[in-house]
Each structure stands twice: as structure tokens, then as C-alpha cells.
Amino acid sequence: MGNPIPPTCNNDDFFEDNVYRQATLYVPIGSMESYANADVWENFTNIAETPYAGIGDIETPYATEVARYDLHGRLLSAPAQGINIVIYSDGTTRKEFVK
């Protein structure tokens, strides 16, 4: 589960202004008030509670494939039969089985 206590940040310029307006800050269920009143985190326009353990558990429809590798670490130009390691623009990495 995520941290119900907001991490301490040094200043309000921790993120760029557009991040505060456009991004959604996902916090553990029951901790929205703590984040909404904490330095830096209170600057987010959109705060949502989630039961997920961490940001890696949340899928975004905007992520695009950045690179694809085989199990030997070779860069692939297209999906290849077997297991592919796929890296997405949101920083997630997934294993994909291609028939």
C-alpha cells in the first residue's frame, strides 16, 4: 500500500506548475485530507484516492511504446515471437508474450 503520510518536500517548486494543474496525485484511501493539507502536495488540483499499492499499478491510456527488447537484450523493431520486454513512455516496463 502507498504511504498514507505525505513525504516531506523542500519547497513548493518541487514540480512545474503545469504538473500541479494537469496531473492527478493518487493517494492511499483515507489519506486525501493529509495530502490536501501538506506542503507541496496541497498544490495539486486533482487528488484521488486509490486502493492500488503504488503508481506502477495504475495504467494510463496515454502511454505509448518506446522500445521493445528480446530476452537477450537485443532491440527489436517489431513484436517478435516469444517473450518481449516492452518499455512505455510513462516509465513502465512490461513482459509481453507474442504468439
PDB file of N, CA and C in Angstrom:
ATOM      1  N   MET A   1       0.843  -1.181   0.000  1.00  0.00           N
ATOM      2  CA  MET A   1       0.000   0.000   0.000  1.00  0.00           C
ATOM      3  C   MET A   1       0.877   1.228   0.000  1.00  0.00           C
ATOM      4  N   GLY A   2       0.405   2.301  -0.606  1.00  0.00           N
ATOM      5  CA  GLY A   2       1.143   3.555  -0.669  1.00  0.00           C
ATOM      6  C   GLY A   2       1.289   4.192   0.706  1.00  0.00           C
ATOM      7  N   ASN A   3       2.039   5.261   0.783  1.00  0.00           N
ATOM      8  CA  ASN A   3       2.316   5.935   2.044  1.00  0.00           C
ATOM      9  C   ASN A   3       1.150   6.839   2.439  1.00  0.00           C
ATOM     10  N   PRO A   4       0.470   6.570   3.559  1.00  0.00           N
ATOM     11  CA  PRO A   4      -0.636   7.426   3.985  1.00  0.00           C
ATOM     12  C   PRO A   4      -0.145   8.771   4.543  1.00  0.00           C
ATOM     13  N   ILE A   5       1.147   8.852   4.850  1.00  0.00           N
ATOM     14  CA  ILE A   5       1.730  10.103   5.353  1.00  0.00           C
ATOM     15  C   ILE A   5       2.478  10.762   4.203  1.00  0.00           C
ATOM     16  N   PRO A   6       2.104  11.980   3.836  1.00  0.00           N
ATOM     17  CA  PRO A   6       2.758  12.647   2.699  1.00  0.00           C
ATOM     18  C   PRO A   6       4.263  12.802   2.920  1.00  0.00           C
ATOM     19  N   PRO A   7       5.077  12.423   1.933  1.00  0.00           N
ATOM     20  CA  PRO A   7       6.516  12.645   2.049  1.00  0.00           C
ATOM     21  C   PRO A   7       6.822  14.139   2.146  1.00  0.00           C
ATOM     22  N   THR A   8       7.868  14.490   2.853  1.00  0.00           N
ATOM     23  CA  THR A   8       8.268  15.879   3.002  1.00  0.00           C
ATOM     24  C   THR A   8       9.090  16.311   1.803  1.00  0.00           C
ATOM     25  N   CYS A   9       8.750  17.463   1.249  1.00  0.00           N
ATOM     26  CA  CYS A   9       9.484  18.039   0.122  1.00  0.00           C
ATOM     27  C   CYS A   9      10.044  19.389   0.557  1.00  0.00           C
ATOM     28  N   ASN A  10      11.146  19.789  -0.075  1.00  0.00           N
ATOM     29  CA  ASN A  10      11.839  21.002   0.347  1.00  0.00           C
ATOM     30  C   ASN A  10      11.118  22.311   0.054  1.00  0.00           C
ATOM     31  N   ASN A  11      10.435  22.390  -1.111  1.00  0.00           N
ATOM     32  CA  ASN A  11       9.778  23.655  -1.433  1.00  0.00           C
ATOM     33  C   ASN A  11       8.633  23.444  -2.400  1.00  0.00           C
ATOM     34  N   ASP A  12       7.844  24.504  -2.604  1.00  0.00           N
ATOM     35  CA  ASP A  12       6.676  24.422  -3.473  1.00  0.00           C
ATOM     36  C   ASP A  12       7.035  24.352  -4.945  1.00  0.00           C
ATOM     37  N   ASP A  13       8.291  24.563  -5.304  1.00  0.00           N
ATOM     38  CA  ASP A  13       8.714  24.483  -6.702  1.00  0.00           C
ATOM     39  C   ASP A  13       9.208  23.085  -7.053  1.00  0.00           C
ATOM     40  N   PHE A  14       8.814  22.116  -6.280  1.00  0.00           N
ATOM     41  CA  PHE A  14       9.254  20.743  -6.485  1.00  0.00           C
ATOM     42  C   PHE A  14       8.837  20.237  -7.861  1.00  0.00           C
ATOM     43  N   PHE A  15       7.608  20.586  -8.294  1.00  0.00           N
ATOM     44  CA  PHE A  15       7.102  20.234  -9.621  1.00  0.00           C
ATOM     45  C   PHE A  15       6.843  21.523 -10.402  1.00  0.00           C
ATOM     46  N   GLU A  16       6.830  21.407 -11.718  1.00  0.00           N
ATOM     47  CA  GLU A  16       6.476  22.558 -12.547  1.00  0.00           C
ATOM     48  C   GLU A  16       4.985  22.848 -12.377  1.00  0.00           C
ATOM     49  N   ASP A  17       4.584  24.096 -12.589  1.00  0.00           N
ATOM     50  CA  ASP A  17       3.190  24.493 -12.388  1.00  0.00           C
ATOM     51  C   ASP A  17       2.205  23.658 -13.193  1.00  0.00           C
ATOM     52  N   ASN A  18       2.557  23.322 -14.444  1.00  0.00           N
ATOM     53  CA  ASN A  18       1.618  22.544 -15.259  1.00  0.00           C
ATOM     54  C   ASN A  18       1.382  21.157 -14.683  1.00  0.00           C
ATOM     55  N   VAL A  19       2.340  20.605 -13.958  1.00  0.00           N
ATOM     56  CA  VAL A  19       2.153  19.302 -13.324  1.00  0.00           C
ATOM     57  C   VAL A  19       1.083  19.414 -12.244  1.00  0.00           C
ATOM     58  N   TYR A  20       1.131  20.451 -11.444  1.00  0.00           N
ATOM     59  CA  TYR A  20       0.131  20.641 -10.393  1.00  0.00           C
ATOM     60  C   TYR A  20      -1.277  20.755 -10.981  1.00  0.00           C
ATOM     61  N   ARG A  21      -1.398  21.364 -12.155  1.00  0.00           N
ATOM     62  CA  ARG A  21      -2.710  21.565 -12.775  1.00  0.00           C
ATOM     63  C   ARG A  21      -3.188  20.354 -13.560  1.00  0.00           C
ATOM     64  N   GLN A  22      -2.283  19.637 -14.218  1.00  0.00           N
ATOM     65  CA  GLN A  22      -2.692  18.597 -15.165  1.00  0.00           C
ATOM     66  C   GLN A  22      -2.601  17.173 -14.637  1.00  0.00           C
ATOM     67  N   ALA A  23      -1.700  16.920 -13.727  1.00  0.00           N
ATOM     68  CA  ALA A  23      -1.506  15.547 -13.229  1.00  0.00           C
ATOM     69  C   ALA A  23      -2.498  15.231 -12.107  1.00  0.00           C
ATOM     70  N   THR A  24      -2.788  13.960 -11.951  1.00  0.00           N
ATOM     71  CA  THR A  24      -3.594  13.508 -10.823  1.00  0.00           C
ATOM     72  C   THR A  24      -2.654  12.862  -9.814  1.00  0.00           C
ATOM     73  N   LEU A  25      -2.744  13.305  -8.580  1.00  0.00           N
ATOM     74  CA  LEU A  25      -1.953  12.733  -7.491  1.00  0.00           C
ATOM     75  C   LEU A  25      -2.791  11.630  -6.856  1.00  0.00           C
ATOM     76  N   TYR A  26      -2.354  10.381  -7.004  1.00  0.00           N
ATOM     77  CA  TYR A  26      -3.068   9.246  -6.417  1.00  0.00           C
ATOM     78  C   TYR A  26      -2.505   8.977  -5.031  1.00  0.00           C
ATOM     79  N   VAL A  27      -3.401   8.937  -4.050  1.00  0.00           N
ATOM     80  CA  VAL A  27      -3.001   8.726  -2.664  1.00  0.00           C
ATOM     81  C   VAL A  27      -3.772   7.539  -2.097  1.00  0.00           C
ATOM     82  N   PRO A  28      -3.240   6.904  -1.041  1.00  0.00           N
ATOM     83  CA  PRO A  28      -3.941   5.765  -0.441  1.00  0.00           C
ATOM     84  C   PRO A  28      -5.307   6.183   0.112  1.00  0.00           C
ATOM     85  N   ILE A  29      -6.228   5.249   0.094  1.00  0.00           N
ATOM     86  CA  ILE A  29      -7.566   5.507   0.635  1.00  0.00           C
ATOM     87  C   ILE A  29      -7.454   5.953   2.087  1.00  0.00           C
ATOM     88  N   GLY A  30      -8.180   7.005   2.417  1.00  0.00           N
ATOM     89  CA  GLY A  30      -8.188   7.533   3.773  1.00  0.00           C
ATOM     90  C   GLY A  30      -7.132   8.593   4.045  1.00  0.00           C
ATOM     91  N   SER A  31      -6.307   8.923   3.040  1.00  0.00           N
ATOM     92  CA  SER A  31      -5.238   9.891   3.293  1.00  0.00           C
ATOM     93  C   SER A  31      -5.375  11.167   2.455  1.00  0.00           C
ATOM     94  N   MET A  32      -6.514  11.350   1.791  1.00  0.00           N
ATOM     95  CA  MET A  32      -6.677  12.522   0.928  1.00  0.00           C
ATOM     96  C   MET A  32      -6.519  13.826   1.713  1.00  0.00           C
ATOM     97  N   GLU A  33      -7.103  13.904   2.881  1.00  0.00           N
ATOM     98  CA  GLU A  33      -7.022  15.130   3.679  1.00  0.00           C
ATOM     99  C   GLU A  33      -5.570  15.439   4.076  1.00  0.00           C
ATOM    100  N   SER A  34      -4.802  14.408   4.422  1.00  0.00           N
ATOM    101  CA  SER A  34      -3.395  14.616   4.790  1.00  0.00           C
ATOM    102  C   SER A  34      -2.609  15.222   3.638  1.00  0.00           C
ATOM    103  N   TYR A  35      -2.815  14.694   2.421  1.00  0.00           N
ATOM    104  CA  TYR A  35      -2.107  15.215   1.248  1.00  0.00           C
ATOM    105  C   TYR A  35      -2.624  16.596   0.859  1.00  0.00           C
ATOM    106  N   ALA A  36      -3.932  16.804   0.961  1.00  0.00           N
ATOM    107  CA  ALA A  36      -4.527  18.087   0.575  1.00  0.00           C
ATOM    108  C   ALA A  36      -4.067  19.227   1.480  1.00  0.00           C
ATOM    109  N   ASN A  37      -3.561  18.889   2.676  1.00  0.00           N
ATOM    110  CA  ASN A  37      -3.109  19.914   3.618  1.00  0.00           C
ATOM    111  C   ASN A  37      -1.599  19.943   3.816  1.00  0.00           C
ATOM    112  N   ALA A  38      -0.867  19.127   3.068  1.00  0.00           N
ATOM    113  CA  ALA A  38       0.590  19.041   3.232  1.00  0.00           C
ATOM    114  C   ALA A  38       1.304  19.947   2.237  1.00  0.00           C
ATOM    115  N   ASP A  39       2.429  20.525   2.687  1.00  0.00           N
ATOM    116  CA  ASP A  39       3.243  21.362   1.809  1.00  0.00           C
ATOM    117  C   ASP A  39       3.550  20.615   0.522  1.00  0.00           C
ATOM    118  N   VAL A  40       3.559  21.296  -0.580  1.00  0.00           N
ATOM    119  CA  VAL A  40       3.813  20.819  -1.936  1.00  0.00           C
ATOM    120  C   VAL A  40       2.619  20.024  -2.469  1.00  0.00           C
ATOM    121  N   TRP A  41       2.207  18.983  -1.774  1.00  0.00           N
ATOM    122  CA  TRP A  41       1.122  18.119  -2.251  1.00  0.00           C
ATOM    123  C   TRP A  41      -0.190  18.888  -2.332  1.00  0.00           C
ATOM    124  N   GLU A  42      -0.386  19.887  -1.482  1.00  0.00           N
ATOM    125  CA  GLU A  42      -1.615  20.677  -1.496  1.00  0.00           C
ATOM    126  C   GLU A  42      -1.769  21.481  -2.790  1.00  0.00           C
ATOM    127  N   ASN A  43      -0.692  21.623  -3.555  1.00  0.00           N
ATOM    128  CA  ASN A  43      -0.741  22.389  -4.802  1.00  0.00           C
ATOM    129  C   ASN A  43      -1.396  21.632  -5.952  1.00  0.00           C
ATOM    130  N   PHE A  44      -1.572  20.322  -5.817  1.00  0.00           N
ATOM    131  CA  PHE A  44      -2.206  19.542  -6.878  1.00  0.00           C
ATOM    132  C   PHE A  44      -3.689  19.874  -6.961  1.00  0.00           C
ATOM    133  N   THR A  45      -4.144  20.159  -8.170  1.00  0.00           N
ATOM    134  CA  THR A  45      -5.553  20.449  -8.405  1.00  0.00           C
ATOM    135  C   THR A  45      -6.382  19.175  -8.298  1.00  0.00           C
ATOM    136  N   ASN A  46      -5.822  18.061  -8.758  1.00  0.00           N
ATOM    137  CA  ASN A  46      -6.539  16.788  -8.771  1.00  0.00           C
ATOM    138  C   ASN A  46      -5.857  15.780  -7.851  1.00  0.00           C
ATOM    139  N   ILE A  47      -6.554  15.423  -6.780  1.00  0.00           N
ATOM    140  CA  ILE A  47      -6.065  14.398  -5.860  1.00  0.00           C
ATOM    141  C   ILE A  47      -7.149  13.330  -5.784  1.00  0.00           C
ATOM    142  N   ALA A  48      -6.764  12.082  -5.976  1.00  0.00           N
ATOM    143  CA  ALA A  48      -7.730  10.988  -5.949  1.00  0.00           C
ATOM    144  C   ALA A  48      -7.212   9.852  -5.078  1.00  0.00           C
ATOM    145  N   GLU A  49      -8.135   9.268  -4.318  1.00  0.00           N
ATOM    146  CA  GLU A  49      -7.775   8.112  -3.509  1.00  0.00           C
ATOM    147  C   GLU A  49      -7.843   6.854  -4.364  1.00  0.00           C
ATOM    148  N   THR A  50      -6.944   5.918  -4.078  1.00  0.00           N
ATOM    149  CA  THR A  50      -6.894   4.676  -4.841  1.00  0.00           C
ATOM    150  C   THR A  50      -6.497   3.516  -3.931  1.00  0.00           C
ATOM    151  N   PRO A  51      -7.022   2.331  -4.215  1.00  0.00           N
ATOM    152  CA  PRO A  51      -6.642   1.164  -3.415  1.00  0.00           C
ATOM    153  C   PRO A  51      -5.349   0.513  -3.889  1.00  0.00           C
ATOM    154  N   TYR A  52      -4.742   1.033  -4.955  1.00  0.00           N
ATOM    155  CA  TYR A  52      -3.549   0.412  -5.515  1.00  0.00           C
ATOM    156  C   TYR A  52      -2.337   0.629  -4.628  1.00  0.00           C
ATOM    157  N   ALA A  53      -1.380  -0.268  -4.760  1.00  0.00           N
ATOM    158  CA  ALA A  53      -0.193  -0.234  -3.909  1.00  0.00           C
ATOM    159  C   ALA A  53       0.782   0.854  -4.303  1.00  0.00           C
ATOM    160  N   GLY A  54       0.814   1.237  -5.550  1.00  0.00           N
ATOM    161  CA  GLY A  54       1.769   2.249  -5.991  1.00  0.00           C
ATOM    162  C   GLY A  54       1.449   2.710  -7.390  1.00  0.00           C
ATOM    163  N   ILE A  55       2.144   3.710  -7.839  1.00  0.00           N
ATOM    164  CA  ILE A  55       1.856   4.289  -9.138  1.00  0.00           C
ATOM    165  C   ILE A  55       2.063   3.287 -10.261  1.00  0.00           C
ATOM    166  N   GLY A  56       2.924   2.309 -10.074  1.00  0.00           N
ATOM    167  CA  GLY A  56       3.135   1.294 -11.096  1.00  0.00           C
ATOM    168  C   GLY A  56       1.914   0.429 -11.348  1.00  0.00           C
ATOM    169  N   ASP A  57       0.975   0.418 -10.403  1.00  0.00           N
ATOM    170  CA  ASP A  57      -0.237  -0.371 -10.545  1.00  0.00           C
ATOM    171  C   ASP A  57      -1.315   0.361 -11.339  1.00  0.00           C
ATOM    172  N   ILE A  58      -1.100   1.626 -11.630  1.00  0.00           N
ATOM    173  CA  ILE A  58      -2.111   2.423 -12.306  1.00  0.00           C
ATOM    174  C   ILE A  58      -1.762   2.531 -13.783  1.00  0.00           C
ATOM    175  N   GLU A  59      -2.696   2.119 -14.626  1.00  0.00           N
ATOM    176  CA  GLU A  59      -2.451   2.175 -16.061  1.00  0.00           C
ATOM    177  C   GLU A  59      -2.977   3.484 -16.624  1.00  0.00           C
ATOM    178  N   THR A  60      -2.279   4.009 -17.573  1.00  0.00           N
ATOM    179  CA  THR A  60      -2.702   5.232 -18.218  1.00  0.00           C
ATOM    180  C   THR A  60      -2.948   4.962 -19.692  1.00  0.00           C
ATOM    181  N   PRO A  61      -4.032   5.502 -20.252  1.00  0.00           N
ATOM    182  CA  PRO A  61      -4.310   5.260 -21.663  1.00  0.00           C
ATOM    183  C   PRO A  61      -3.384   6.052 -22.584  1.00  0.00           C
ATOM    184  N   TYR A  62      -2.559   6.913 -22.024  1.00  0.00           N
ATOM    185  CA  TYR A  62      -1.709   7.782 -22.828  1.00  0.00           C
ATOM    186  C   TYR A  62      -0.294   7.238 -23.036  1.00  0.00           C
ATOM    187  N   ALA A  63       0.039   6.140 -22.398  1.00  0.00           N
ATOM    188  CA  ALA A  63       1.386   5.588 -22.533  1.00  0.00           C
ATOM    189  C   ALA A  63       1.556   4.963 -23.918  1.00  0.00           C
ATOM    190  N   THR A  64       2.677   5.244 -24.529  1.00  0.00           N
ATOM    191  CA  THR A  64       2.981   4.659 -25.831  1.00  0.00           C
ATOM    192  C   THR A  64       4.268   3.851 -25.729  1.00  0.00           C
ATOM    193  N   GLU A  65       4.405   2.887 -26.612  1.00  0.00           N
ATOM    194  CA  GLU A  65       5.592   2.046 -26.613  1.00  0.00           C
ATOM    195  C   GLU A  65       6.798   2.857 -27.053  1.00  0.00           C
ATOM    196  N   VAL A  66       7.881   2.772 -26.273  1.00  0.00           N
ATOM    197  CA  VAL A  66       9.118   3.488 -26.574  1.00  0.00           C
ATOM    198  C   VAL A  66      10.154   2.550 -27.168  1.00  0.00           C
ATOM    199  N   ALA A  67      10.249   1.349 -26.606  1.00  0.00           N
ATOM    200  CA  ALA A  67      11.237   0.376 -27.081  1.00  0.00           C
ATOM    201  C   ALA A  67      10.755  -1.028 -26.765  1.00  0.00           C
ATOM    202  N   ARG A  68      11.326  -1.988 -27.497  1.00  0.00           N
ATOM    203  CA  ARG A  68      10.965  -3.399 -27.323  1.00  0.00           C
ATOM    204  C   ARG A  68      12.251  -4.212 -27.446  1.00  0.00           C
ATOM    205  N   TYR A  69      12.446  -5.155 -26.514  1.00  0.00           N
ATOM    206  CA  TYR A  69      13.655  -5.970 -26.490  1.00  0.00           C
ATOM    207  C   TYR A  69      13.290  -7.442 -26.378  1.00  0.00           C
ATOM    208  N   ASP A  70      14.202  -8.318 -26.842  1.00  0.00           N
ATOM    209  CA  ASP A  70      14.024  -9.741 -26.600  1.00  0.00           C
ATOM    210  C   ASP A  70      14.687 -10.078 -25.265  1.00  0.00           C
ATOM    211  N   LEU A  71      14.635 -11.341 -24.880  1.00  0.00           N
ATOM    212  CA  LEU A  71      15.192 -11.732 -23.576  1.00  0.00           C
ATOM    213  C   LEU A  71      16.710 -11.664 -23.511  1.00  0.00           C
ATOM    214  N   HIS A  72      17.366 -11.478 -24.647  1.00  0.00           N
ATOM    215  CA  HIS A  72      18.824 -11.336 -24.680  1.00  0.00           C
ATOM    216  C   HIS A  72      19.235  -9.865 -24.670  1.00  0.00           C
ATOM    217  N   GLY A  73      18.245  -8.953 -24.559  1.00  0.00           N
ATOM    218  CA  GLY A  73      18.534  -7.531 -24.508  1.00  0.00           C
ATOM    219  C   GLY A  73      18.710  -6.876 -25.861  1.00  0.00           C
ATOM    220  N   ARG A  74      18.386  -7.595 -26.932  1.00  0.00           N
ATOM    221  CA  ARG A  74      18.514  -7.026 -28.280  1.00  0.00           C
ATOM    222  C   ARG A  74      17.281  -6.200 -28.601  1.00  0.00           C
ATOM    223  N   LEU A  75      17.501  -5.003 -29.123  1.00  0.00           N
ATOM    224  CA  LEU A  75      16.420  -4.106 -29.520  1.00  0.00           C
ATOM    225  C   LEU A  75      15.667  -4.717 -30.692  1.00  0.00           C
ATOM    226  N   LEU A  76      14.342  -4.739 -30.600  1.00  0.00           N
ATOM    227  CA  LEU A  76      13.501  -5.266 -31.670  1.00  0.00           C
ATOM    228  C   LEU A  76      12.827  -4.122 -32.406  1.00  0.00           C
ATOM    229  N   SER A  77      12.676  -4.249 -33.718  1.00  0.00           N
ATOM    230  CA  SER A  77      11.997  -3.204 -34.494  1.00  0.00           C
ATOM    231  C   SER A  77      10.501  -3.456 -34.582  1.00  0.00           C
ATOM    232  N   ALA A  78      10.048  -4.652 -34.192  1.00  0.00           N
ATOM    233  CA  ALA A  78       8.634  -5.025 -34.222  1.00  0.00           C
ATOM    234  C   ALA A  78       8.437  -6.169 -33.234  1.00  0.00           C
ATOM    235  N   PRO A  79       7.192  -6.455 -32.852  1.00  0.00           N
ATOM    236  CA  PRO A  79       6.959  -7.590 -31.968  1.00  0.00           C
ATOM    237  C   PRO A  79       7.534  -8.873 -32.577  1.00  0.00           C
ATOM    238  N   ALA A  80       8.195  -9.666 -31.734  1.00  0.00           N
ATOM    239  CA  ALA A  80       8.805 -10.921 -32.179  1.00  0.00           C
ATOM    240  C   ALA A  80       8.215 -12.068 -31.374  1.00  0.00           C
ATOM    241  N   GLN A  81       8.112 -13.220 -31.997  1.00  0.00           N
ATOM    242  CA  GLN A  81       7.549 -14.384 -31.339  1.00  0.00           C
ATOM    243  C   GLN A  81       8.325 -14.696 -30.065  1.00  0.00           C
ATOM    244  N   GLY A  82       7.590 -15.002 -29.009  1.00  0.00           N
ATOM    245  CA  GLY A  82       8.185 -15.292 -27.715  1.00  0.00           C
ATOM    246  C   GLY A  82       7.920 -14.171 -26.728  1.00  0.00           C
ATOM    247  N   ILE A  83       8.786 -14.045 -25.744  1.00  0.00           N
ATOM    248  CA  ILE A  83       8.618 -13.004 -24.722  1.00  0.00           C
ATOM    249  C   ILE A  83       9.364 -11.750 -25.150  1.00  0.00           C
ATOM    250  N   ASN A  84       8.657 -10.634 -25.138  1.00  0.00           N
ATOM    251  CA  ASN A  84       9.231  -9.319 -25.457  1.00  0.00           C
ATOM    252  C   ASN A  84       9.183  -8.471 -24.195  1.00  0.00           C
ATOM    253  N   ILE A  85      10.207  -7.679 -23.975  1.00  0.00           N
ATOM    254  CA  ILE A  85      10.232  -6.708 -22.884  1.00  0.00           C
ATOM    255  C   ILE A  85       9.897  -5.362 -23.522  1.00  0.00           C
ATOM    256  N   VAL A  86       8.785  -4.751 -23.085  1.00  0.00           N
ATOM    257  CA  VAL A  86       8.304  -3.519 -23.700  1.00  0.00           C
ATOM    258  C   VAL A  86       8.401  -2.378 -22.701  1.00  0.00           C
ATOM    259  N   ILE A  87       9.008  -1.274 -23.130  1.00  0.00           N
ATOM    260  CA  ILE A  87       9.139  -0.079 -22.301  1.00  0.00           C
ATOM    261  C   ILE A  87       8.186   0.974 -22.849  1.00  0.00           C
ATOM    262  N   TYR A  88       7.435   1.613 -21.940  1.00  0.00           N
ATOM    263  CA  TYR A  88       6.428   2.602 -22.328  1.00  0.00           C
ATOM    264  C   TYR A  88       6.840   4.010 -21.908  1.00  0.00           C
ATOM    265  N   SER A  89       6.215   4.992 -22.534  1.00  0.00           N
ATOM    266  CA  SER A  89       6.552   6.404 -22.315  1.00  0.00           C
ATOM    267  C   SER A  89       6.279   6.874 -20.893  1.00  0.00           C
ATOM    268  N   ASP A  90       5.429   6.170 -20.149  1.00  0.00           N
ATOM    269  CA  ASP A  90       5.158   6.570 -18.769  1.00  0.00           C
ATOM    270  C   ASP A  90       6.142   5.947 -17.779  1.00  0.00           C
ATOM    271  N   GLY A  91       7.178   5.244 -18.319  1.00  0.00           N
ATOM    272  CA  GLY A  91       8.208   4.664 -17.468  1.00  0.00           C
ATOM    273  C   GLY A  91       7.933   3.218 -17.067  1.00  0.00           C
ATOM    274  N   THR A  92       6.798   2.677 -17.423  1.00  0.00           N
ATOM    275  CA  THR A  92       6.514   1.291 -17.070  1.00  0.00           C
ATOM    276  C   THR A  92       7.217   0.348 -18.040  1.00  0.00           C
ATOM    277  N   THR A  93       7.517  -0.831 -17.549  1.00  0.00           N
ATOM    278  CA  THR A  93       8.117  -1.894 -18.344  1.00  0.00           C
ATOM    279  C   THR A  93       7.262  -3.134 -18.153  1.00  0.00           C
ATOM    280  N   ARG A  94       6.953  -3.813 -19.256  1.00  0.00           N
ATOM    281  CA  ARG A  94       6.095  -4.990 -19.181  1.00  0.00           C
ATOM    282  C   ARG A  94       6.663  -6.122 -20.014  1.00  0.00           C
ATOM    283  N   LYS A  95       6.391  -7.328 -19.567  1.00  0.00           N
ATOM    284  CA  LYS A  95       6.713  -8.509 -20.358  1.00  0.00           C
ATOM    285  C   LYS A  95       5.477  -8.831 -21.182  1.00  0.00           C
ATOM    286  N   GLU A  96       5.686  -9.104 -22.468  1.00  0.00           N
ATOM    287  CA  GLU A  96       4.583  -9.397 -23.369  1.00  0.00           C
ATOM    288  C   GLU A  96       4.888 -10.685 -24.122  1.00  0.00           C
ATOM    289  N   PHE A  97       3.931 -11.614 -24.136  1.00  0.00           N
ATOM    290  CA  PHE A  97       4.111 -12.849 -24.875  1.00  0.00           C
ATOM    291  C   PHE A  97       3.492 -12.681 -26.252  1.00  0.00           C
ATOM    292  N   VAL A  98       4.280 -12.913 -27.302  1.00  0.00           N
ATOM    293  CA  VAL A  98       3.813 -12.777 -28.684  1.00  0.00           C
ATOM    294  C   VAL A  98       3.771 -14.166 -29.296  1.00  0.00           C
ATOM    295  N   LYS A  99       2.593 -14.563 -29.811  1.00  0.00           N
ATOM    296  CA  LYS A  99       2.443 -15.890 -30.431  1.00  0.00           C
ATOM    297  C   LYS A  99       3.018 -15.901 -31.827  1.00  0.00           C
TER     298      LYS A  99
END
